[in-house]
């Protein structure tokens, strides 16, 4: 079940990144959106294990940020062509 939820989060991250790329959201606003989204997902997913498993939270946040940035960059590049 946990793996399915992580895949859903990553698909959601790709979708949000694609929407941001299509709308050509500015970098500063986009970075704020990325950090907020990734932090909310990381805290929501691991809130019960916050003290025991901080490395998992960090990994989840970093993965989400990476996927958002990559999908955002690709779609904004494609939208500008």
PDB file of N, CA and C in Angstrom:
ATOM      1  N   UNK A   1       0.828  -1.206   0.000  1.00  0.00           N
ATOM      2  CA  UNK A   1       0.000   0.000   0.000  1.00  0.00           C
ATOM      3  C   UNK A   1       0.863   1.257   0.000  1.00  0.00           C
ATOM      4  N   UNK A   2       1.963   1.198   0.782  1.00  0.00           N
ATOM      5  CA  UNK A   2       2.829   2.369   0.870  1.00  0.00           C
ATOM      6  C   UNK A   2       3.453   2.687  -0.488  1.00  0.00           C
ATOM      7  N   UNK A   3       3.840   1.628  -1.222  1.00  0.00           N
ATOM      8  CA  UNK A   3       4.454   1.849  -2.532  1.00  0.00           C
ATOM      9  C   UNK A   3       3.452   2.485  -3.494  1.00  0.00           C
ATOM     10  N   UNK A   4       2.191   2.053  -3.441  1.00  0.00           N
ATOM     11  CA  UNK A   4       1.176   2.641  -4.313  1.00  0.00           C
ATOM     12  C   UNK A   4       0.988   4.119  -4.009  1.00  0.00           C
ATOM     13  N   UNK A   5       0.993   4.463  -2.722  1.00  0.00           N
ATOM     14  CA  UNK A   5       0.834   5.874  -2.358  1.00  0.00           C
ATOM     15  C   UNK A   5       2.015   6.696  -2.846  1.00  0.00           C
ATOM     16  N   UNK A   6       3.227   6.150  -2.733  1.00  0.00           N
ATOM     17  CA  UNK A   6       4.396   6.897  -3.208  1.00  0.00           C
ATOM     18  C   UNK A   6       4.325   7.115  -4.714  1.00  0.00           C
ATOM     19  N   UNK A   7       3.865   6.105  -5.465  1.00  0.00           N
ATOM     20  CA  UNK A   7       3.703   6.289  -6.909  1.00  0.00           C
ATOM     21  C   UNK A   7       2.658   7.358  -7.217  1.00  0.00           C
ATOM     22  N   UNK A   8       1.572   7.366  -6.443  1.00  0.00           N
ATOM     23  CA  UNK A   8       0.553   8.399  -6.643  1.00  0.00           C
ATOM     24  C   UNK A   8       1.110   9.788  -6.367  1.00  0.00           C
ATOM     25  N   UNK A   9       1.915   9.916  -5.308  1.00  0.00           N
ATOM     26  CA  UNK A   9       2.530  11.209  -5.007  1.00  0.00           C
ATOM     27  C   UNK A   9       3.449  11.643  -6.140  1.00  0.00           C
ATOM     28  N   UNK A  10       4.215  10.697  -6.690  1.00  0.00           N
ATOM     29  CA  UNK A  10       5.136  11.051  -7.757  1.00  0.00           C
ATOM     30  C   UNK A  10       4.371  11.439  -9.029  1.00  0.00           C
ATOM     31  N   UNK A  11       3.280  10.725  -9.324  1.00  0.00           N
ATOM     32  CA  UNK A  11       2.454  11.110 -10.472  1.00  0.00           C
ATOM     33  C   UNK A  11       1.839  12.489 -10.263  1.00  0.00           C
ATOM     34  N   UNK A  12       1.405  12.764  -9.045  1.00  0.00           N
ATOM     35  CA  UNK A  12       0.865  14.083  -8.725  1.00  0.00           C
ATOM     36  C   UNK A  12       1.939  15.153  -8.889  1.00  0.00           C
ATOM     37  N   UNK A  13       3.170  14.829  -8.479  1.00  0.00           N
ATOM     38  CA  UNK A  13       4.281  15.771  -8.644  1.00  0.00           C
ATOM     39  C   UNK A  13       4.545  16.043 -10.117  1.00  0.00           C
ATOM     40  N   UNK A  14       4.511  14.991 -10.942  1.00  0.00           N
ATOM     41  CA  UNK A  14       4.715  15.175 -12.381  1.00  0.00           C
ATOM     42  C   UNK A  14       3.603  16.041 -12.967  1.00  0.00           C
ATOM     43  N   UNK A  15       2.362  15.785 -12.544  1.00  0.00           N
ATOM     44  CA  UNK A  15       1.235  16.568 -13.063  1.00  0.00           C
ATOM     45  C   UNK A  15       1.353  18.033 -12.670  1.00  0.00           C
ATOM     46  N   UNK A  16       1.700  18.296 -11.415  1.00  0.00           N
ATOM     47  CA  UNK A  16       1.844  19.686 -10.971  1.00  0.00           C
ATOM     48  C   UNK A  16       2.996  20.358 -11.708  1.00  0.00           C
ATOM     49  N   UNK A  17       4.103  19.636 -11.877  1.00  0.00           N
ATOM     50  CA  UNK A  17       5.229  20.186 -12.627  1.00  0.00           C
ATOM     51  C   UNK A  17       4.854  20.495 -14.065  1.00  0.00           C
ATOM     52  N   UNK A  18       4.058  19.613 -14.679  1.00  0.00           N
ATOM     53  CA  UNK A  18       3.630  19.841 -16.060  1.00  0.00           C
ATOM     54  C   UNK A  18       2.721  21.059 -16.158  1.00  0.00           C
ATOM     55  N   UNK A  19       1.803  21.193 -15.220  1.00  0.00           N
ATOM     56  CA  UNK A  19       0.909  22.359 -15.214  1.00  0.00           C
ATOM     57  C   UNK A  19       1.716  23.639 -15.035  1.00  0.00           C
ATOM     58  N   UNK A  20       2.686  23.601 -14.118  1.00  0.00           N
ATOM     59  CA  UNK A  20       3.525  24.780 -13.903  1.00  0.00           C
ATOM     60  C   UNK A  20       4.317  25.114 -15.158  1.00  0.00           C
ATOM     61  N   UNK A  21       4.797  24.083 -15.859  1.00  0.00           N
ATOM     62  CA  UNK A  21       5.551  24.321 -17.082  1.00  0.00           C
ATOM     63  C   UNK A  21       4.693  24.905 -18.189  1.00  0.00           C
ATOM     64  N   UNK A  22       3.471  24.389 -18.314  1.00  0.00           N
ATOM     65  CA  UNK A  22       2.566  24.888 -19.349  1.00  0.00           C
ATOM     66  C   UNK A  22       2.174  26.331 -19.063  1.00  0.00           C
ATOM     67  N   UNK A  23       1.924  26.647 -17.792  1.00  0.00           N
ATOM     68  CA  UNK A  23       1.540  28.008 -17.431  1.00  0.00           C
ATOM     69  C   UNK A  23       2.734  28.952 -17.364  1.00  0.00           C
ATOM     70  N   UNK A  24       3.939  28.401 -17.467  1.00  0.00           N
ATOM     71  CA  UNK A  24       5.186  29.177 -17.397  1.00  0.00           C
ATOM     72  C   UNK A  24       5.250  30.024 -16.131  1.00  0.00           C
ATOM     73  N   UNK A  25       5.020  29.364 -15.020  1.00  0.00           N
ATOM     74  CA  UNK A  25       5.098  30.043 -13.724  1.00  0.00           C
ATOM     75  C   UNK A  25       6.547  30.486 -13.495  1.00  0.00           C
ATOM     76  N   UNK A  26       6.713  31.664 -12.937  1.00  0.00           N
ATOM     77  CA  UNK A  26       8.045  32.195 -12.704  1.00  0.00           C
ATOM     78  C   UNK A  26       8.810  31.338 -11.702  1.00  0.00           C
ATOM     79  N   UNK A  27      10.145  31.378 -11.800  1.00  0.00           N
ATOM     80  CA  UNK A  27      10.991  30.506 -10.991  1.00  0.00           C
ATOM     81  C   UNK A  27      10.775  30.696  -9.500  1.00  0.00           C
ATOM     82  N   UNK A  28      10.709  31.928  -9.024  1.00  0.00           N
ATOM     83  CA  UNK A  28      10.597  32.160  -7.573  1.00  0.00           C
ATOM     84  C   UNK A  28       9.281  31.598  -7.056  1.00  0.00           C
ATOM     85  N   UNK A  29       8.188  31.892  -7.758  1.00  0.00           N
ATOM     86  CA  UNK A  29       6.884  31.355  -7.364  1.00  0.00           C
ATOM     87  C   UNK A  29       6.872  29.834  -7.478  1.00  0.00           C
ATOM     88  N   UNK A  30       7.475  29.325  -8.534  1.00  0.00           N
ATOM     89  CA  UNK A  30       7.532  27.879  -8.728  1.00  0.00           C
ATOM     90  C   UNK A  30       8.303  27.175  -7.631  1.00  0.00           C
ATOM     91  N   UNK A  31       9.414  27.750  -7.201  1.00  0.00           N
ATOM     92  CA  UNK A  31      10.207  27.149  -6.126  1.00  0.00           C
ATOM     93  C   UNK A  31       9.412  27.133  -4.826  1.00  0.00           C
ATOM     94  N   UNK A  32       8.666  28.205  -4.561  1.00  0.00           N
ATOM     95  CA  UNK A  32       7.822  28.238  -3.354  1.00  0.00           C
ATOM     96  C   UNK A  32       6.768  27.138  -3.422  1.00  0.00           C
ATOM     97  N   UNK A  33       6.119  26.980  -4.583  1.00  0.00           N
ATOM     98  CA  UNK A  33       5.108  25.929  -4.748  1.00  0.00           C
ATOM     99  C   UNK A  33       5.729  24.556  -4.550  1.00  0.00           C
ATOM    100  N   UNK A  34       6.906  24.331  -5.141  1.00  0.00           N
ATOM    101  CA  UNK A  34       7.580  23.037  -5.031  1.00  0.00           C
ATOM    102  C   UNK A  34       7.906  22.717  -3.580  1.00  0.00           C
ATOM    103  N   UNK A  35       8.480  23.677  -2.870  1.00  0.00           N
ATOM    104  CA  UNK A  35       8.870  23.426  -1.476  1.00  0.00           C
ATOM    105  C   UNK A  35       7.640  23.150  -0.617  1.00  0.00           C
ATOM    106  N   UNK A  36       6.576  23.932  -0.805  1.00  0.00           N
ATOM    107  CA  UNK A  36       5.352  23.716  -0.016  1.00  0.00           C
ATOM    108  C   UNK A  36       4.746  22.354  -0.304  1.00  0.00           C
ATOM    109  N   UNK A  37       4.628  21.995  -1.574  1.00  0.00           N
ATOM    110  CA  UNK A  37       4.031  20.716  -1.955  1.00  0.00           C
ATOM    111  C   UNK A  37       4.841  19.549  -1.405  1.00  0.00           C
ATOM    112  N   UNK A  38       6.155  19.605  -1.585  1.00  0.00           N
ATOM    113  CA  UNK A  38       6.999  18.505  -1.129  1.00  0.00           C
ATOM    114  C   UNK A  38       6.988  18.381   0.386  1.00  0.00           C
ATOM    115  N   UNK A  39       6.991  19.499   1.081  1.00  0.00           N
ATOM    116  CA  UNK A  39       6.981  19.457   2.543  1.00  0.00           C
ATOM    117  C   UNK A  39       5.664  18.908   3.063  1.00  0.00           C
ATOM    118  N   UNK A  40       4.556  19.336   2.468  1.00  0.00           N
ATOM    119  CA  UNK A  40       3.248  18.829   2.902  1.00  0.00           C
ATOM    120  C   UNK A  40       3.169  17.323   2.704  1.00  0.00           C
ATOM    121  N   UNK A  41       3.615  16.841   1.548  1.00  0.00           N
ATOM    122  CA  UNK A  41       3.561  15.396   1.298  1.00  0.00           C
ATOM    123  C   UNK A  41       4.503  14.652   2.234  1.00  0.00           C
ATOM    124  N   UNK A  42       5.705  15.172   2.420  1.00  0.00           N
ATOM    125  CA  UNK A  42       6.649  14.503   3.309  1.00  0.00           C
ATOM    126  C   UNK A  42       6.139  14.423   4.733  1.00  0.00           C
ATOM    127  N   UNK A  43       5.590  15.505   5.232  1.00  0.00           N
ATOM    128  CA  UNK A  43       5.089  15.522   6.608  1.00  0.00           C
ATOM    129  C   UNK A  43       3.841  14.655   6.730  1.00  0.00           C
ATOM    130  N   UNK A  44       2.959  14.725   5.739  1.00  0.00           N
ATOM    131  CA  UNK A  44       1.734  13.922   5.791  1.00  0.00           C
ATOM    132  C   UNK A  44       2.058  12.428   5.768  1.00  0.00           C
ATOM    133  N   UNK A  45       2.987  12.048   4.899  1.00  0.00           N
ATOM    134  CA  UNK A  45       3.298  10.633   4.738  1.00  0.00           C
ATOM    135  C   UNK A  45       3.988  10.057   5.967  1.00  0.00           C
ATOM    136  N   UNK A  46       4.834  10.828   6.586  1.00  0.00           N
ATOM    137  CA  UNK A  46       5.666  10.288   7.664  1.00  0.00           C
ATOM    138  C   UNK A  46       5.389  10.923   9.020  1.00  0.00           C
ATOM    139  N   UNK A  47       4.247  11.554   9.200  1.00  0.00           N
ATOM    140  CA  UNK A  47       3.996  12.279  10.449  1.00  0.00           C
ATOM    141  C   UNK A  47       3.968  11.356  11.658  1.00  0.00           C
ATOM    142  N   UNK A  48       3.565  10.109  11.467  1.00  0.00           N
ATOM    143  CA  UNK A  48       3.520   9.196  12.610  1.00  0.00           C
ATOM    144  C   UNK A  48       4.906   8.700  12.991  1.00  0.00           C
ATOM    145  N   UNK A  49       5.852   8.773  12.040  1.00  0.00           N
ATOM    146  CA  UNK A  49       7.206   8.296  12.313  1.00  0.00           C
ATOM    147  C   UNK A  49       8.204   9.449  12.325  1.00  0.00           C
ATOM    148  N   UNK A  50       7.762  10.647  12.658  1.00  0.00           N
ATOM    149  CA  UNK A  50       8.593  11.851  12.527  1.00  0.00           C
ATOM    150  C   UNK A  50       9.902  11.723  13.287  1.00  0.00           C
ATOM    151  N   UNK A  51       9.847  11.285  14.543  1.00  0.00           N
ATOM    152  CA  UNK A  51      11.070  11.224  15.345  1.00  0.00           C
ATOM    153  C   UNK A  51      11.943  10.041  14.959  1.00  0.00           C
ATOM    154  N   UNK A  52      11.334   8.932  14.584  1.00  0.00           N
ATOM    155  CA  UNK A  52      12.115   7.731  14.319  1.00  0.00           C
ATOM    156  C   UNK A  52      12.774   7.741  12.955  1.00  0.00           C
ATOM    157  N   UNK A  53      12.169   8.408  11.982  1.00  0.00           N
ATOM    158  CA  UNK A  53      12.569   8.169  10.599  1.00  0.00           C
ATOM    159  C   UNK A  53      12.735   9.465   9.815  1.00  0.00           C
ATOM    160  N   UNK A  54      13.575  10.356  10.310  1.00  0.00           N
ATOM    161  CA  UNK A  54      13.745  11.651   9.639  1.00  0.00           C
ATOM    162  C   UNK A  54      14.396  11.507   8.270  1.00  0.00           C
ATOM    163  N   UNK A  55      15.256  10.492   8.077  1.00  0.00           N
ATOM    164  CA  UNK A  55      15.909  10.331   6.779  1.00  0.00           C
ATOM    165  C   UNK A  55      14.893   9.985   5.693  1.00  0.00           C
ATOM    166  N   UNK A  56      13.845   9.236   6.033  1.00  0.00           N
ATOM    167  CA  UNK A  56      12.808   8.913   5.049  1.00  0.00           C
ATOM    168  C   UNK A  56      12.049  10.161   4.627  1.00  0.00           C
ATOM    169  N   UNK A  57      11.787  11.047   5.585  1.00  0.00           N
ATOM    170  CA  UNK A  57      11.098  12.297   5.262  1.00  0.00           C
ATOM    171  C   UNK A  57      11.954  13.117   4.304  1.00  0.00           C
ATOM    172  N   UNK A  58      13.231  13.233   4.616  1.00  0.00           N
ATOM    173  CA  UNK A  58      14.138  14.004   3.768  1.00  0.00           C
ATOM    174  C   UNK A  58      14.204  13.409   2.370  1.00  0.00           C
ATOM    175  N   UNK A  59      14.310  12.082   2.278  1.00  0.00           N
ATOM    176  CA  UNK A  59      14.365  11.436   0.966  1.00  0.00           C
ATOM    177  C   UNK A  59      13.093  11.679   0.172  1.00  0.00           C
ATOM    178  N   UNK A  60      11.947  11.587   0.838  1.00  0.00           N
ATOM    179  CA  UNK A  60      10.664  11.806   0.160  1.00  0.00           C
ATOM    180  C   UNK A  60      10.576  13.234  -0.369  1.00  0.00           C
ATOM    181  N   UNK A  61      10.980  14.204   0.452  1.00  0.00           N
ATOM    182  CA  UNK A  61      10.930  15.608   0.039  1.00  0.00           C
ATOM    183  C   UNK A  61      11.880  15.852  -1.130  1.00  0.00           C
ATOM    184  N   UNK A  62      13.093  15.311  -1.054  1.00  0.00           N
ATOM    185  CA  UNK A  62      14.063  15.514  -2.129  1.00  0.00           C
ATOM    186  C   UNK A  62      13.612  14.850  -3.426  1.00  0.00           C
ATOM    187  N   UNK A  63      13.049  13.638  -3.337  1.00  0.00           N
ATOM    188  CA  UNK A  63      12.537  12.975  -4.539  1.00  0.00           C
ATOM    189  C   UNK A  63      11.417  13.797  -5.175  1.00  0.00           C
ATOM    190  N   UNK A  64      10.512  14.279  -4.352  1.00  0.00           N
ATOM    191  CA  UNK A  64       9.386  15.055  -4.874  1.00  0.00           C
ATOM    192  C   UNK A  64       9.867  16.341  -5.525  1.00  0.00           C
ATOM    193  N   UNK A  65      10.811  17.033  -4.880  1.00  0.00           N
ATOM    194  CA  UNK A  65      11.362  18.265  -5.453  1.00  0.00           C
ATOM    195  C   UNK A  65      12.035  17.970  -6.787  1.00  0.00           C
ATOM    196  N   UNK A  66      12.812  16.897  -6.842  1.00  0.00           N
ATOM    197  CA  UNK A  66      13.498  16.531  -8.081  1.00  0.00           C
ATOM    198  C   UNK A  66      12.534  16.247  -9.217  1.00  0.00           C
ATOM    199  N   UNK A  67      11.499  15.470  -8.926  1.00  0.00           N
ATOM    200  CA  UNK A  67      10.526  15.134  -9.966  1.00  0.00           C
ATOM    201  C   UNK A  67       9.776  16.376 -10.426  1.00  0.00           C
ATOM    202  N   UNK A  68       9.390  17.242  -9.490  1.00  0.00           N
ATOM    203  CA  UNK A  68       8.696  18.480  -9.865  1.00  0.00           C
ATOM    204  C   UNK A  68       9.567  19.342 -10.775  1.00  0.00           C
ATOM    205  N   UNK A  69      10.835  19.495 -10.411  1.00  0.00           N
ATOM    206  CA  UNK A  69      11.720  20.357 -11.202  1.00  0.00           C
ATOM    207  C   UNK A  69      11.932  19.781 -12.598  1.00  0.00           C
ATOM    208  N   UNK A  70      12.149  18.460 -12.687  1.00  0.00           N
ATOM    209  CA  UNK A  70      12.386  17.842 -13.993  1.00  0.00           C
ATOM    210  C   UNK A  70      11.153  17.957 -14.883  1.00  0.00           C
ATOM    211  N   UNK A  71       9.972  17.624 -14.344  1.00  0.00           N
ATOM    212  CA  UNK A  71       8.767  17.694 -15.179  1.00  0.00           C
ATOM    213  C   UNK A  71       8.432  19.136 -15.543  1.00  0.00           C
ATOM    214  N   UNK A  72       8.685  20.063 -14.628  1.00  0.00           N
ATOM    215  CA  UNK A  72       8.465  21.483 -14.888  1.00  0.00           C
ATOM    216  C   UNK A  72       9.383  21.960 -16.009  1.00  0.00           C
ATOM    217  N   UNK A  73      10.662  21.592 -15.933  1.00  0.00           N
ATOM    218  CA  UNK A  73      11.622  22.023 -16.952  1.00  0.00           C
ATOM    219  C   UNK A  73      11.269  21.464 -18.323  1.00  0.00           C
ATOM    220  N   UNK A  74      10.930  20.178 -18.366  1.00  0.00           N
ATOM    221  CA  UNK A  74      10.613  19.550 -19.651  1.00  0.00           C
ATOM    222  C   UNK A  74       9.384  20.190 -20.279  1.00  0.00           C
ATOM    223  N   UNK A  75       8.322  20.356 -19.494  1.00  0.00           N
ATOM    224  CA  UNK A  75       7.098  20.909 -20.084  1.00  0.00           C
ATOM    225  C   UNK A  75       7.238  22.382 -20.435  1.00  0.00           C
ATOM    226  N   UNK A  76       8.003  23.142 -19.657  1.00  0.00           N
ATOM    227  CA  UNK A  76       8.184  24.552 -20.018  1.00  0.00           C
ATOM    228  C   UNK A  76       9.029  24.674 -21.280  1.00  0.00           C
ATOM    229  N   UNK A  77       9.994  23.762 -21.458  1.00  0.00           N
ATOM    230  CA  UNK A  77      10.785  23.761 -22.688  1.00  0.00           C
ATOM    231  C   UNK A  77       9.908  23.402 -23.880  1.00  0.00           C
ATOM    232  N   UNK A  78       9.073  22.372 -23.725  1.00  0.00           N
ATOM    233  CA  UNK A  78       8.185  21.973 -24.819  1.00  0.00           C
ATOM    234  C   UNK A  78       7.152  23.055 -25.124  1.00  0.00           C
ATOM    235  N   UNK A  79       6.684  23.745 -24.092  1.00  0.00           N
ATOM    236  CA  UNK A  79       5.680  24.788 -24.306  1.00  0.00           C
ATOM    237  C   UNK A  79       6.263  25.993 -25.039  1.00  0.00           C
ATOM    238  N   UNK A  80       7.567  26.211 -24.897  1.00  0.00           N
ATOM    239  CA  UNK A  80       8.176  27.377 -25.533  1.00  0.00           C
ATOM    240  C   UNK A  80       8.544  27.118 -26.993  1.00  0.00           C
ATOM    241  N   UNK A  81       8.463  25.873 -27.427  1.00  0.00           N
ATOM    242  CA  UNK A  81       8.816  25.547 -28.824  1.00  0.00           C
ATOM    243  C   UNK A  81       7.688  25.961 -29.754  1.00  0.00           C
TER     244      UNK A  81
END
